[in-house]
Amino acid sequence: LSRLESLKMNSNNLSGPIPAELGQLSNLTGLFLAGNNLTGTIPAELGRLARLQMVDLRYNALTGSLPENLATLPTSGYDYLAPNQD
């Protein structure tokens, strides 16, 4: 999985928290987890993904604030982080 560049798991009825281990996928440029039943907060470990350009976490039940290190990633694509819960 260390070479994985894009993880597309939209609308797969996933539930539970986003695994912090995704932050170890150093080559990841796209993370697409929209339309699931993901809960909890967005792990700060995702901020380690320096190559990340596209993020889609819409339509889940995520709570809390966006981790500061994720908010400062140099995304050149798009980042869909809402609507979720506050």
C-alpha atoms as a PDB file:
ATOM      1  CA  LEU A   1       0.000   0.000   0.000  1.00  0.00           C
ATOM      2  CA  SER A   2       2.975   2.330   0.293  1.00  0.00           C
ATOM      3  CA  ARG A   3       2.671   3.210  -3.417  1.00  0.00           C
ATOM      4  CA  LEU A   4      -1.060   3.915  -3.291  1.00  0.00           C
ATOM      5  CA  GLU A   5      -1.819   7.289  -4.883  1.00  0.00           C
ATOM      6  CA  SER A   6      -5.612   7.463  -4.759  1.00  0.00           C
ATOM      7  CA  LEU A   7      -8.096   5.897  -2.349  1.00  0.00           C
ATOM      8  CA  LYS A   8     -11.657   6.006  -3.680  1.00  0.00           C
ATOM      9  CA  MET A   9     -14.225   4.495  -1.340  1.00  0.00           C
ATOM     10  CA  ASN A  10     -17.219   6.783  -1.837  1.00  0.00           C
ATOM     11  CA  SER A  11     -20.674   5.368  -1.020  1.00  0.00           C
ATOM     12  CA  ASN A  12     -19.455   2.042   0.364  1.00  0.00           C
ATOM     13  CA  ASN A  13     -21.488   2.103   3.594  1.00  0.00           C
ATOM     14  CA  LEU A  14     -18.302   2.407   5.650  1.00  0.00           C
ATOM     15  CA  SER A  15     -18.865   3.204   9.316  1.00  0.00           C
ATOM     16  CA  GLY A  16     -16.782   4.185  12.305  1.00  0.00           C
ATOM     17  CA  PRO A  17     -13.880   6.605  12.509  1.00  0.00           C
ATOM     18  CA  ILE A  18     -11.451   7.411   9.711  1.00  0.00           C
ATOM     19  CA  PRO A  19      -8.382   5.262  10.467  1.00  0.00           C
ATOM     20  CA  ALA A  20      -5.411   7.344  11.592  1.00  0.00           C
ATOM     21  CA  GLU A  21      -3.220   4.834   9.744  1.00  0.00           C
ATOM     22  CA  LEU A  22      -4.225   6.473   6.457  1.00  0.00           C
ATOM     23  CA  GLY A  23      -1.695   9.136   7.431  1.00  0.00           C
ATOM     24  CA  GLN A  24       1.044   6.598   6.654  1.00  0.00           C
ATOM     25  CA  LEU A  25       0.158   6.477   2.941  1.00  0.00           C
ATOM     26  CA  SER A  26       2.875   8.943   1.965  1.00  0.00           C
ATOM     27  CA  ASN A  27       2.195   8.823  -1.802  1.00  0.00           C
ATOM     28  CA  LEU A  28      -1.527   9.515  -1.480  1.00  0.00           C
ATOM     29  CA  THR A  29      -2.690  12.389  -3.698  1.00  0.00           C
ATOM     30  CA  GLY A  30      -6.447  11.751  -3.521  1.00  0.00           C
ATOM     31  CA  LEU A  31      -8.675  10.664  -0.628  1.00  0.00           C
ATOM     32  CA  PHE A  32     -12.337  10.077  -1.447  1.00  0.00           C
ATOM     33  CA  LEU A  33     -14.557   8.840   1.391  1.00  0.00           C
ATOM     34  CA  ALA A  34     -17.791  10.737   0.702  1.00  0.00           C
ATOM     35  CA  GLY A  35     -21.246   9.280   1.236  1.00  0.00           C
ATOM     36  CA  ASN A  36     -20.449   6.812   3.994  1.00  0.00           C
ATOM     37  CA  ASN A  37     -21.336   6.641   7.687  1.00  0.00           C
ATOM     38  CA  LEU A  38     -17.967   7.770   9.011  1.00  0.00           C
ATOM     39  CA  THR A  39     -18.057   9.228  12.519  1.00  0.00           C
ATOM     40  CA  GLY A  40     -15.736  11.005  14.897  1.00  0.00           C
ATOM     41  CA  THR A  41     -13.122  13.575  14.071  1.00  0.00           C
ATOM     42  CA  ILE A  42     -10.768  13.794  11.108  1.00  0.00           C
ATOM     43  CA  PRO A  43      -7.441  12.344  12.293  1.00  0.00           C
ATOM     44  CA  ALA A  44      -4.580  14.823  12.574  1.00  0.00           C
ATOM     45  CA  GLU A  45      -2.358  12.162  10.984  1.00  0.00           C
ATOM     46  CA  LEU A  46      -3.879  13.000   7.602  1.00  0.00           C
ATOM     47  CA  GLY A  47      -1.895  16.234   7.786  1.00  0.00           C
ATOM     48  CA  ARG A  48       1.253  14.186   7.172  1.00  0.00           C
ATOM     49  CA  LEU A  49       0.132  13.531   3.610  1.00  0.00           C
ATOM     50  CA  ALA A  50       2.299  16.141   1.896  1.00  0.00           C
ATOM     51  CA  ARG A  51       1.264  15.030  -1.618  1.00  0.00           C
ATOM     52  CA  LEU A  52      -2.459  15.132  -0.902  1.00  0.00           C
ATOM     53  CA  GLN A  53      -4.231  17.315  -3.466  1.00  0.00           C
ATOM     54  CA  MET A  54      -7.862  16.165  -3.456  1.00  0.00           C
ATOM     55  CA  VAL A  55     -10.026  15.343  -0.430  1.00  0.00           C
ATOM     56  CA  ASP A  56     -13.731  14.499  -0.409  1.00  0.00           C
ATOM     57  CA  LEU A  57     -15.247  13.717   2.994  1.00  0.00           C
ATOM     58  CA  ARG A  58     -18.736  15.065   2.353  1.00  0.00           C
ATOM     59  CA  TYR A  59     -21.914  13.387   3.525  1.00  0.00           C
ATOM     60  CA  ASN A  60     -20.625  11.568   6.574  1.00  0.00           C
ATOM     61  CA  ALA A  61     -21.277  12.130  10.279  1.00  0.00           C
ATOM     62  CA  LEU A  62     -17.882  13.636  11.078  1.00  0.00           C
ATOM     63  CA  THR A  63     -17.669  16.027  14.004  1.00  0.00           C
ATOM     64  CA  GLY A  64     -15.237  18.556  15.378  1.00  0.00           C
ATOM     65  CA  SER A  65     -12.899  20.972  13.723  1.00  0.00           C
ATOM     66  CA  LEU A  66     -10.628  20.361  10.795  1.00  0.00           C
ATOM     67  CA  PRO A  67      -7.144  19.564  12.129  1.00  0.00           C
ATOM     68  CA  GLU A  68      -4.876  22.566  11.636  1.00  0.00           C
ATOM     69  CA  ASN A  69      -2.210  20.595   9.813  1.00  0.00           C
ATOM     70  CA  LEU A  70      -4.800  19.314   7.313  1.00  0.00           C
ATOM     71  CA  ALA A  71      -6.182  22.798   6.717  1.00  0.00           C
ATOM     72  CA  THR A  72      -2.730  23.992   5.640  1.00  0.00           C
ATOM     73  CA  LEU A  73      -2.028  21.247   3.109  1.00  0.00           C
ATOM     74  CA  PRO A  74      -1.120  22.638  -0.323  1.00  0.00           C
ATOM     75  CA  THR A  75      -4.165  21.324  -2.162  1.00  0.00           C
ATOM     76  CA  SER A  76      -4.231  22.243  -5.811  1.00  0.00           C
ATOM     77  CA  GLY A  77      -7.370  20.241  -6.516  1.00  0.00           C
ATOM     78  CA  TYR A  78     -10.468  20.437  -4.376  1.00  0.00           C
ATOM     79  CA  ASP A  79     -11.315  19.715  -0.803  1.00  0.00           C
ATOM     80  CA  TYR A  80     -14.891  18.831   0.008  1.00  0.00           C
ATOM     81  CA  LEU A  81     -15.137  18.646   3.760  1.00  0.00           C
ATOM     82  CA  ALA A  82     -18.764  19.644   4.334  1.00  0.00           C
ATOM     83  CA  PRO A  83     -21.615  19.154   4.941  1.00  0.00           C
ATOM     84  CA  ASN A  84     -20.915  17.087   8.020  1.00  0.00           C
ATOM     85  CA  GLN A  85     -21.904  17.692  11.616  1.00  0.00           C
ATOM     86  CA  ASP A  86     -20.439  20.506  13.713  1.00  0.00           C
END
